[in-house]
């Protein structure tokens, strides 16, 4: 099976798979709640106690305007968006073992490398499509708020939108491919999803806390995937003084270094998945 045919087959499977649409719906719900709903409720009620420290009604309204969409798009990616994409990548690869898909395909003589490349390409297409949907969703919500509050509609610059889309794609693609590699290594979705979420949401945060006390741990955390993703986003949206801003958004390393580290994780995870599938029995 050629990579192109494998990509088409995998795209068909993903389009008809409820788990994919549930994952997309979960992130849209999170984007609605944390990007707009809670801020709008605080703005409408005048109670800013649930918002960032020092927030005012004017600042809350400004955060929900179309001009701020590039930042809103990125802020949830290091934590929630990345975790959901890792879950998607893990179940795409892991269910290939659980359902016997890989065993059947390879038994029919399909080229292993071409099949995995096609599966990764299909996953990448869905990451890009998901990012486009999120961007349109955020623009629609911001325009709704601006219209409701009779605010002048000022759109963000094309450059800021493209920058946010590029950074967002790197972050989401990294977590999706890492999840794919975990699903391949674990030969199933459950273990890979569990390990990935524990690592992304718990272990890295604990290591960053310990790193404030131990220098060698601090050096280690600088090259971890969560640190790279958070720092890459932080280089665009900025980080609140004292680190009290959006969870997962960091300024640990510079933007260019974070981008290189993120790209390296994408490459390494893809190579790991390819090598493991080529060398290991799938039965």
C-alpha atoms as a PDB file:
ATOM      1  CA  UNK A   1       0.000   0.000   0.000  1.00  0.00           C
ATOM      2  CA  UNK A   2       1.444   3.365  -1.026  1.00  0.00           C
ATOM      3  CA  UNK A   3       1.559   6.249   1.491  1.00  0.00           C
ATOM      4  CA  UNK A   4      -1.069   8.100  -0.564  1.00  0.00           C
ATOM      5  CA  UNK A   5      -3.508   5.188  -0.527  1.00  0.00           C
ATOM      6  CA  UNK A   6      -2.811   4.630   3.168  1.00  0.00           C
ATOM      7  CA  UNK A   7      -3.549   8.296   3.846  1.00  0.00           C
ATOM      8  CA  UNK A   8      -6.863   8.112   2.010  1.00  0.00           C
ATOM      9  CA  UNK A   9      -7.866   4.952   3.869  1.00  0.00           C
ATOM     10  CA  UNK A  10      -6.919   6.445   7.229  1.00  0.00           C
ATOM     11  CA  UNK A  11      -8.795   9.671   6.507  1.00  0.00           C
ATOM     12  CA  UNK A  12     -11.897   7.629   5.721  1.00  0.00           C
ATOM     13  CA  UNK A  13     -11.532   5.765   9.014  1.00  0.00           C
ATOM     14  CA  UNK A  14     -11.039   8.975  11.000  1.00  0.00           C
ATOM     15  CA  UNK A  15     -14.001  10.714   9.360  1.00  0.00           C
ATOM     16  CA  UNK A  16     -16.323   7.873  10.359  1.00  0.00           C
ATOM     17  CA  UNK A  17     -14.884   7.429  13.864  1.00  0.00           C
ATOM     18  CA  UNK A  18     -16.984   9.004  16.672  1.00  0.00           C
ATOM     19  CA  UNK A  19     -13.941   9.365  18.943  1.00  0.00           C
ATOM     20  CA  UNK A  20     -12.443  11.926  16.559  1.00  0.00           C
ATOM     21  CA  UNK A  21     -15.542  14.107  16.623  1.00  0.00           C
ATOM     22  CA  UNK A  22     -15.866  13.753  20.399  1.00  0.00           C
ATOM     23  CA  UNK A  23     -12.279  14.976  20.762  1.00  0.00           C
ATOM     24  CA  UNK A  24     -12.975  17.945  18.508  1.00  0.00           C
ATOM     25  CA  UNK A  25     -16.187  18.730  20.380  1.00  0.00           C
ATOM     26  CA  UNK A  26     -14.399  18.561  23.730  1.00  0.00           C
ATOM     27  CA  UNK A  27     -11.854  21.149  22.666  1.00  0.00           C
ATOM     28  CA  UNK A  28     -14.512  23.450  21.220  1.00  0.00           C
ATOM     29  CA  UNK A  29     -16.350  23.238  24.540  1.00  0.00           C
ATOM     30  CA  UNK A  30     -13.161  24.047  26.473  1.00  0.00           C
ATOM     31  CA  UNK A  31     -12.402  26.928  24.115  1.00  0.00           C
ATOM     32  CA  UNK A  32     -15.901  28.293  24.637  1.00  0.00           C
ATOM     33  CA  UNK A  33     -15.752  28.034  28.422  1.00  0.00           C
ATOM     34  CA  UNK A  34     -12.240  29.239  29.175  1.00  0.00           C
ATOM     35  CA  UNK A  35     -11.827  31.607  26.261  1.00  0.00           C
ATOM     36  CA  UNK A  36     -15.165  33.389  26.286  1.00  0.00           C
ATOM     37  CA  UNK A  37     -17.979  32.113  28.549  1.00  0.00           C
ATOM     38  CA  UNK A  38     -16.318  32.620  31.936  1.00  0.00           C
ATOM     39  CA  UNK A  39     -14.849  35.964  30.880  1.00  0.00           C
ATOM     40  CA  UNK A  40     -18.200  37.138  29.551  1.00  0.00           C
ATOM     41  CA  UNK A  41     -20.038  36.095  32.708  1.00  0.00           C
ATOM     42  CA  UNK A  42     -17.454  37.962  34.802  1.00  0.00           C
ATOM     43  CA  UNK A  43     -17.766  40.993  32.542  1.00  0.00           C
ATOM     44  CA  UNK A  44     -21.585  40.981  32.566  1.00  0.00           C
ATOM     45  CA  UNK A  45     -21.845  40.511  36.327  1.00  0.00           C
ATOM     46  CA  UNK A  46     -18.995  42.849  37.207  1.00  0.00           C
ATOM     47  CA  UNK A  47     -17.419  40.128  39.376  1.00  0.00           C
ATOM     48  CA  UNK A  48     -13.815  39.687  38.254  1.00  0.00           C
ATOM     49  CA  UNK A  49     -12.780  37.466  41.162  1.00  0.00           C
ATOM     50  CA  UNK A  50     -12.672  34.404  38.882  1.00  0.00           C
ATOM     51  CA  UNK A  51     -10.468  36.121  36.290  1.00  0.00           C
ATOM     52  CA  UNK A  52      -6.765  36.914  36.308  1.00  0.00           C
ATOM     53  CA  UNK A  53      -5.604  39.075  39.159  1.00  0.00           C
ATOM     54  CA  UNK A  54      -5.969  42.753  38.303  1.00  0.00           C
ATOM     55  CA  UNK A  55      -8.516  42.140  35.552  1.00  0.00           C
ATOM     56  CA  UNK A  56     -11.115  44.851  34.956  1.00  0.00           C
ATOM     57  CA  UNK A  57     -14.325  44.895  32.945  1.00  0.00           C
ATOM     58  CA  UNK A  58     -12.560  46.754  30.158  1.00  0.00           C
ATOM     59  CA  UNK A  59      -9.676  44.276  30.049  1.00  0.00           C
ATOM     60  CA  UNK A  60     -12.069  41.321  30.063  1.00  0.00           C
ATOM     61  CA  UNK A  61     -14.004  42.792  27.158  1.00  0.00           C
ATOM     62  CA  UNK A  62     -10.790  43.477  25.249  1.00  0.00           C
ATOM     63  CA  UNK A  63      -9.735  39.834  25.662  1.00  0.00           C
ATOM     64  CA  UNK A  64     -12.926  38.704  23.927  1.00  0.00           C
ATOM     65  CA  UNK A  65     -12.625  40.998  20.908  1.00  0.00           C
ATOM     66  CA  UNK A  66     -11.697  39.743  17.418  1.00  0.00           C
ATOM     67  CA  UNK A  67      -8.315  41.484  17.610  1.00  0.00           C
ATOM     68  CA  UNK A  68      -7.350  39.139  20.457  1.00  0.00           C
ATOM     69  CA  UNK A  69      -8.344  35.899  18.712  1.00  0.00           C
ATOM     70  CA  UNK A  70      -4.731  34.894  17.862  1.00  0.00           C
ATOM     71  CA  UNK A  71      -3.848  34.907  21.564  1.00  0.00           C
ATOM     72  CA  UNK A  72      -7.048  33.155  22.655  1.00  0.00           C
ATOM     73  CA  UNK A  73      -6.410  30.468  20.050  1.00  0.00           C
ATOM     74  CA  UNK A  74      -3.021  29.654  21.564  1.00  0.00           C
ATOM     75  CA  UNK A  75      -3.575  30.030  25.286  1.00  0.00           C
ATOM     76  CA  UNK A  76      -5.264  26.676  25.868  1.00  0.00           C
ATOM     77  CA  UNK A  77      -3.006  24.636  23.613  1.00  0.00           C
ATOM     78  CA  UNK A  78      -0.086  23.789  25.947  1.00  0.00           C
ATOM     79  CA  UNK A  79      -2.413  22.207  28.501  1.00  0.00           C
ATOM     80  CA  UNK A  80      -5.830  21.122  27.198  1.00  0.00           C
ATOM     81  CA  UNK A  81      -5.345  21.228  23.441  1.00  0.00           C
ATOM     82  CA  UNK A  82      -2.088  19.301  23.582  1.00  0.00           C
ATOM     83  CA  UNK A  83      -3.559  16.673  25.894  1.00  0.00           C
ATOM     84  CA  UNK A  84      -6.542  16.103  23.597  1.00  0.00           C
ATOM     85  CA  UNK A  85      -4.346  15.812  20.520  1.00  0.00           C
ATOM     86  CA  UNK A  86      -2.131  13.317  22.334  1.00  0.00           C
ATOM     87  CA  UNK A  87      -5.231  11.273  23.168  1.00  0.00           C
ATOM     88  CA  UNK A  88      -6.240  11.378  19.509  1.00  0.00           C
ATOM     89  CA  UNK A  89      -2.802  10.267  18.325  1.00  0.00           C
ATOM     90  CA  UNK A  90      -2.688   7.460  20.896  1.00  0.00           C
ATOM     91  CA  UNK A  91      -6.074   6.025  19.956  1.00  0.00           C
ATOM     92  CA  UNK A  92      -5.352   6.296  16.221  1.00  0.00           C
ATOM     93  CA  UNK A  93      -2.255   4.110  16.612  1.00  0.00           C
ATOM     94  CA  UNK A  94      -3.383   2.028  19.585  1.00  0.00           C
ATOM     95  CA  UNK A  95      -6.719   0.978  18.134  1.00  0.00           C
ATOM     96  CA  UNK A  96      -4.891  -0.285  15.074  1.00  0.00           C
ATOM     97  CA  UNK A  97      -3.597  -3.012  17.371  1.00  0.00           C
ATOM     98  CA  UNK A  98      -6.725  -3.412  19.485  1.00  0.00           C
ATOM     99  CA  UNK A  99      -8.992  -3.850  16.476  1.00  0.00           C
ATOM    100  CA  UNK A 100      -6.498  -5.959  14.558  1.00  0.00           C
ATOM    101  CA  UNK A 101      -6.306  -3.365  11.761  1.00  0.00           C
ATOM    102  CA  UNK A 102      -2.517  -3.382  11.466  1.00  0.00           C
ATOM    103  CA  UNK A 103      -2.372  -7.184  11.577  1.00  0.00           C
ATOM    104  CA  UNK A 104      -4.921  -7.475   8.776  1.00  0.00           C
ATOM    105  CA  UNK A 105      -3.359  -4.775   6.601  1.00  0.00           C
ATOM    106  CA  UNK A 106       0.185  -6.095   6.953  1.00  0.00           C
ATOM    107  CA  UNK A 107      -0.946  -9.691   6.396  1.00  0.00           C
ATOM    108  CA  UNK A 108      -2.274  -8.587   3.008  1.00  0.00           C
ATOM    109  CA  UNK A 109       1.220  -7.514   2.003  1.00  0.00           C
ATOM    110  CA  UNK A 110       0.996  -3.766   2.625  1.00  0.00           C
ATOM    111  CA  UNK A 111       4.329  -2.021   3.102  1.00  0.00           C
ATOM    112  CA  UNK A 112       4.682  -1.237   6.804  1.00  0.00           C
ATOM    113  CA  UNK A 113       6.571   2.017   6.418  1.00  0.00           C
ATOM    114  CA  UNK A 114       4.186   3.317   3.757  1.00  0.00           C
ATOM    115  CA  UNK A 115       1.160   2.435   5.880  1.00  0.00           C
ATOM    116  CA  UNK A 116       2.494   4.208   8.979  1.00  0.00           C
ATOM    117  CA  UNK A 117       3.550   7.250   6.956  1.00  0.00           C
ATOM    118  CA  UNK A 118       0.045   7.393   5.518  1.00  0.00           C
ATOM    119  CA  UNK A 119      -1.496   7.115   8.977  1.00  0.00           C
ATOM    120  CA  UNK A 120       0.726   9.911  10.273  1.00  0.00           C
ATOM    121  CA  UNK A 121      -0.136  12.049   7.254  1.00  0.00           C
ATOM    122  CA  UNK A 122      -3.856  11.533   7.894  1.00  0.00           C
ATOM    123  CA  UNK A 123      -3.361  12.460  11.541  1.00  0.00           C
ATOM    124  CA  UNK A 124      -1.547  15.620  10.436  1.00  0.00           C
ATOM    125  CA  UNK A 125      -4.430  16.528   8.122  1.00  0.00           C
ATOM    126  CA  UNK A 126      -6.853  16.209  11.023  1.00  0.00           C
ATOM    127  CA  UNK A 127      -4.627  18.333  13.256  1.00  0.00           C
ATOM    128  CA  UNK A 128      -4.598  21.078  10.608  1.00  0.00           C
ATOM    129  CA  UNK A 129      -8.355  20.786  10.044  1.00  0.00           C
ATOM    130  CA  UNK A 130      -9.022  20.917  13.784  1.00  0.00           C
ATOM    131  CA  UNK A 131      -6.885  24.023  14.096  1.00  0.00           C
ATOM    132  CA  UNK A 132      -8.817  25.692  11.267  1.00  0.00           C
ATOM    133  CA  UNK A 133     -12.138  24.840  12.929  1.00  0.00           C
ATOM    134  CA  UNK A 134     -10.933  26.235  16.269  1.00  0.00           C
ATOM    135  CA  UNK A 135      -9.807  29.444  14.600  1.00  0.00           C
ATOM    136  CA  UNK A 136     -13.159  29.922  12.877  1.00  0.00           C
ATOM    137  CA  UNK A 137     -15.002  29.066  16.092  1.00  0.00           C
ATOM    138  CA  UNK A 138     -13.039  31.649  18.090  1.00  0.00           C
ATOM    139  CA  UNK A 139     -13.622  34.311  15.447  1.00  0.00           C
ATOM    140  CA  UNK A 140     -17.359  33.566  15.469  1.00  0.00           C
ATOM    141  CA  UNK A 141     -17.536  33.849  19.260  1.00  0.00           C
ATOM    142  CA  UNK A 142     -15.523  37.068  19.354  1.00  0.00           C
ATOM    143  CA  UNK A 143     -17.680  38.642  16.654  1.00  0.00           C
ATOM    144  CA  UNK A 144     -20.795  37.623  18.591  1.00  0.00           C
ATOM    145  CA  UNK A 145     -19.477  39.305  21.746  1.00  0.00           C
ATOM    146  CA  UNK A 146     -18.426  42.429  19.855  1.00  0.00           C
ATOM    147  CA  UNK A 147     -21.827  42.705  18.188  1.00  0.00           C
ATOM    148  CA  UNK A 148     -23.726  42.061  21.410  1.00  0.00           C
ATOM    149  CA  UNK A 149     -21.756  44.726  23.281  1.00  0.00           C
ATOM    150  CA  UNK A 150     -21.882  47.206  20.353  1.00  0.00           C
ATOM    151  CA  UNK A 151     -18.109  47.337  20.055  1.00  0.00           C
ATOM    152  CA  UNK A 152     -16.152  48.400  17.011  1.00  0.00           C
ATOM    153  CA  UNK A 153     -14.972  45.317  15.135  1.00  0.00           C
ATOM    154  CA  UNK A 154     -11.211  45.426  14.646  1.00  0.00           C
ATOM    155  CA  UNK A 155      -9.712  42.341  13.057  1.00  0.00           C
ATOM    156  CA  UNK A 156      -6.204  41.119  13.905  1.00  0.00           C
ATOM    157  CA  UNK A 157      -3.409  41.513  11.403  1.00  0.00           C
ATOM    158  CA  UNK A 158      -2.816  38.701   8.945  1.00  0.00           C
ATOM    159  CA  UNK A 159       0.713  38.313  10.287  1.00  0.00           C
ATOM    160  CA  UNK A 160      -0.461  37.717  13.861  1.00  0.00           C
ATOM    161  CA  UNK A 161      -3.034  35.178  12.695  1.00  0.00           C
ATOM    162  CA  UNK A 162      -0.476  33.279  10.609  1.00  0.00           C
ATOM    163  CA  UNK A 163       2.014  33.333  13.482  1.00  0.00           C
ATOM    164  CA  UNK A 164      -0.543  31.903  15.885  1.00  0.00           C
ATOM    165  CA  UNK A 165      -1.650  29.260  13.392  1.00  0.00           C
ATOM    166  CA  UNK A 166       1.952  28.206  12.765  1.00  0.00           C
ATOM    167  CA  UNK A 167       2.794  28.000  16.455  1.00  0.00           C
ATOM    168  CA  UNK A 168      -0.469  26.215  17.202  1.00  0.00           C
ATOM    169  CA  UNK A 169       0.153  23.662  14.478  1.00  0.00           C
ATOM    170  CA  UNK A 170       3.624  22.866  15.824  1.00  0.00           C
ATOM    171  CA  UNK A 171       2.309  22.382  19.358  1.00  0.00           C
ATOM    172  CA  UNK A 172      -0.687  20.242  18.404  1.00  0.00           C
ATOM    173  CA  UNK A 173       1.258  18.205  15.854  1.00  0.00           C
ATOM    174  CA  UNK A 174       3.959  17.454  18.413  1.00  0.00           C
ATOM    175  CA  UNK A 175       1.489  16.101  20.970  1.00  0.00           C
ATOM    176  CA  UNK A 176      -0.469  14.166  18.325  1.00  0.00           C
ATOM    177  CA  UNK A 177       2.656  12.435  16.956  1.00  0.00           C
ATOM    178  CA  UNK A 178       3.973  11.757  20.479  1.00  0.00           C
ATOM    179  CA  UNK A 179       0.606  10.174  21.261  1.00  0.00           C
ATOM    180  CA  UNK A 180       0.875   8.106  18.071  1.00  0.00           C
ATOM    181  CA  UNK A 181       4.316   6.872  19.135  1.00  0.00           C
ATOM    182  CA  UNK A 182       3.005   5.976  22.606  1.00  0.00           C
ATOM    183  CA  UNK A 183       0.092   4.067  21.085  1.00  0.00           C
ATOM    184  CA  UNK A 184       2.538   2.167  18.892  1.00  0.00           C
ATOM    185  CA  UNK A 185       4.835   1.309  21.788  1.00  0.00           C
ATOM    186  CA  UNK A 186       1.977   0.261  24.081  1.00  0.00           C
ATOM    187  CA  UNK A 187       0.076  -1.641  21.343  1.00  0.00           C
ATOM    188  CA  UNK A 188      -3.194  -0.249  22.618  1.00  0.00           C
ATOM    189  CA  UNK A 189      -4.982   3.016  23.412  1.00  0.00           C
ATOM    190  CA  UNK A 190      -5.716   2.679  27.145  1.00  0.00           C
ATOM    191  CA  UNK A 191      -2.178   2.465  28.514  1.00  0.00           C
ATOM    192  CA  UNK A 192      -0.771   5.001  26.060  1.00  0.00           C
ATOM    193  CA  UNK A 193      -3.527   7.537  26.820  1.00  0.00           C
ATOM    194  CA  UNK A 194      -3.076   7.078  30.563  1.00  0.00           C
ATOM    195  CA  UNK A 195       0.702   7.399  30.491  1.00  0.00           C
ATOM    196  CA  UNK A 196       0.582  10.379  28.147  1.00  0.00           C
ATOM    197  CA  UNK A 197      -1.938  12.325  30.214  1.00  0.00           C
ATOM    198  CA  UNK A 198      -0.121  11.614  33.480  1.00  0.00           C
ATOM    199  CA  UNK A 199       3.120  12.825  31.924  1.00  0.00           C
ATOM    200  CA  UNK A 200       1.696  15.957  30.296  1.00  0.00           C
ATOM    201  CA  UNK A 201      -0.590  17.081  33.115  1.00  0.00           C
ATOM    202  CA  UNK A 202       1.226  15.852  36.231  1.00  0.00           C
ATOM    203  CA  UNK A 203       4.829  14.709  35.870  1.00  0.00           C
ATOM    204  CA  UNK A 204       6.170  17.695  33.928  1.00  0.00           C
ATOM    205  CA  UNK A 205       4.531  20.163  36.334  1.00  0.00           C
ATOM    206  CA  UNK A 206       6.066  18.316  39.290  1.00  0.00           C
ATOM    207  CA  UNK A 207       9.495  18.330  37.648  1.00  0.00           C
ATOM    208  CA  UNK A 208       9.263  22.082  37.003  1.00  0.00           C
ATOM    209  CA  UNK A 209       8.452  22.580  40.678  1.00  0.00           C
ATOM    210  CA  UNK A 210      11.393  20.438  41.790  1.00  0.00           C
ATOM    211  CA  UNK A 211      13.601  22.225  39.269  1.00  0.00           C
ATOM    212  CA  UNK A 212      13.365  25.386  41.356  1.00  0.00           C
ATOM    213  CA  UNK A 213      15.349  23.532  44.036  1.00  0.00           C
ATOM    214  CA  UNK A 214      17.650  21.301  41.990  1.00  0.00           C
ATOM    215  CA  UNK A 215      19.679  22.772  39.160  1.00  0.00           C
ATOM    216  CA  UNK A 216      20.068  19.559  37.153  1.00  0.00           C
ATOM    217  CA  UNK A 217      16.321  18.963  37.200  1.00  0.00           C
ATOM    218  CA  UNK A 218      15.773  22.525  36.000  1.00  0.00           C
ATOM    219  CA  UNK A 219      18.127  21.863  33.082  1.00  0.00           C
ATOM    220  CA  UNK A 220      16.226  18.676  32.279  1.00  0.00           C
ATOM    221  CA  UNK A 221      12.832  20.374  32.247  1.00  0.00           C
ATOM    222  CA  UNK A 222      14.091  22.886  29.666  1.00  0.00           C
ATOM    223  CA  UNK A 223      14.096  20.169  26.987  1.00  0.00           C
ATOM    224  CA  UNK A 224      10.839  18.430  27.898  1.00  0.00           C
ATOM    225  CA  UNK A 225       7.961  18.538  25.379  1.00  0.00           C
ATOM    226  CA  UNK A 226       5.553  20.403  27.667  1.00  0.00           C
ATOM    227  CA  UNK A 227       8.161  23.052  28.418  1.00  0.00           C
ATOM    228  CA  UNK A 228       8.927  23.480  24.726  1.00  0.00           C
ATOM    229  CA  UNK A 229       5.246  23.791  23.798  1.00  0.00           C
ATOM    230  CA  UNK A 230       4.458  26.161  26.662  1.00  0.00           C
ATOM    231  CA  UNK A 231       7.476  28.344  25.967  1.00  0.00           C
ATOM    232  CA  UNK A 232       6.681  28.487  22.256  1.00  0.00           C
ATOM    233  CA  UNK A 233       3.170  29.719  23.029  1.00  0.00           C
ATOM    234  CA  UNK A 234       4.498  32.049  25.722  1.00  0.00           C
ATOM    235  CA  UNK A 235       6.862  33.676  23.223  1.00  0.00           C
ATOM    236  CA  UNK A 236       3.789  34.791  21.251  1.00  0.00           C
ATOM    237  CA  UNK A 237       1.116  35.558  23.861  1.00  0.00           C
ATOM    238  CA  UNK A 238       3.434  36.617  26.678  1.00  0.00           C
ATOM    239  CA  UNK A 239       3.537  35.395  30.278  1.00  0.00           C
ATOM    240  CA  UNK A 240       1.921  37.106  33.262  1.00  0.00           C
ATOM    241  CA  UNK A 241       4.393  38.473  35.857  1.00  0.00           C
ATOM    242  CA  UNK A 242       4.886  35.918  38.599  1.00  0.00           C
ATOM    243  CA  UNK A 243       3.627  33.081  36.392  1.00  0.00           C
ATOM    244  CA  UNK A 244      -0.027  33.586  37.381  1.00  0.00           C
ATOM    245  CA  UNK A 245      -1.364  33.521  33.826  1.00  0.00           C
ATOM    246  CA  UNK A 246      -2.770  30.720  31.706  1.00  0.00           C
ATOM    247  CA  UNK A 247      -1.711  27.232  32.926  1.00  0.00           C
ATOM    248  CA  UNK A 248       0.956  25.690  30.731  1.00  0.00           C
ATOM    249  CA  UNK A 249       2.074  28.965  29.118  1.00  0.00           C
ATOM    250  CA  UNK A 250       5.741  29.455  30.035  1.00  0.00           C
ATOM    251  CA  UNK A 251       8.789  31.584  29.362  1.00  0.00           C
ATOM    252  CA  UNK A 252      11.371  28.955  30.329  1.00  0.00           C
ATOM    253  CA  UNK A 253      13.210  28.954  26.993  1.00  0.00           C
ATOM    254  CA  UNK A 254      13.345  31.387  24.091  1.00  0.00           C
ATOM    255  CA  UNK A 255      10.871  31.071  21.236  1.00  0.00           C
ATOM    256  CA  UNK A 256      13.338  29.895  18.529  1.00  0.00           C
ATOM    257  CA  UNK A 257      14.807  27.228  20.817  1.00  0.00           C
ATOM    258  CA  UNK A 258      11.307  26.084  21.787  1.00  0.00           C
ATOM    259  CA  UNK A 259      10.311  25.825  18.110  1.00  0.00           C
ATOM    260  CA  UNK A 260      13.387  23.715  17.303  1.00  0.00           C
ATOM    261  CA  UNK A 261      12.775  21.442  20.287  1.00  0.00           C
ATOM    262  CA  UNK A 262       9.124  20.996  19.319  1.00  0.00           C
ATOM    263  CA  UNK A 263      10.055  20.138  15.726  1.00  0.00           C
ATOM    264  CA  UNK A 264      12.655  17.641  16.963  1.00  0.00           C
ATOM    265  CA  UNK A 265      10.035  15.867  19.085  1.00  0.00           C
ATOM    266  CA  UNK A 266       7.787  15.561  16.029  1.00  0.00           C
ATOM    267  CA  UNK A 267      10.605  14.018  14.003  1.00  0.00           C
ATOM    268  CA  UNK A 268      11.841  11.697  16.761  1.00  0.00           C
ATOM    269  CA  UNK A 269       8.337  10.457  17.646  1.00  0.00           C
ATOM    270  CA  UNK A 270       7.560   9.722  13.987  1.00  0.00           C
ATOM    271  CA  UNK A 271      10.829   7.840  13.539  1.00  0.00           C
ATOM    272  CA  UNK A 272      10.226   5.830  16.725  1.00  0.00           C
ATOM    273  CA  UNK A 273       6.782   4.776  15.481  1.00  0.00           C
ATOM    274  CA  UNK A 274       8.193   3.760  12.080  1.00  0.00           C
ATOM    275  CA  UNK A 275      11.102   1.776  13.523  1.00  0.00           C
ATOM    276  CA  UNK A 276       8.946  -0.037  16.069  1.00  0.00           C
ATOM    277  CA  UNK A 277       6.317  -1.070  13.513  1.00  0.00           C
ATOM    278  CA  UNK A 278       8.928  -2.242  11.003  1.00  0.00           C
ATOM    279  CA  UNK A 279      10.901  -4.311  13.501  1.00  0.00           C
ATOM    280  CA  UNK A 280       8.194  -5.701  15.781  1.00  0.00           C
ATOM    281  CA  UNK A 281       5.639  -8.437  15.230  1.00  0.00           C
ATOM    282  CA  UNK A 282       2.136  -6.955  15.279  1.00  0.00           C
ATOM    283  CA  UNK A 283       0.388 -10.212  16.179  1.00  0.00           C
END
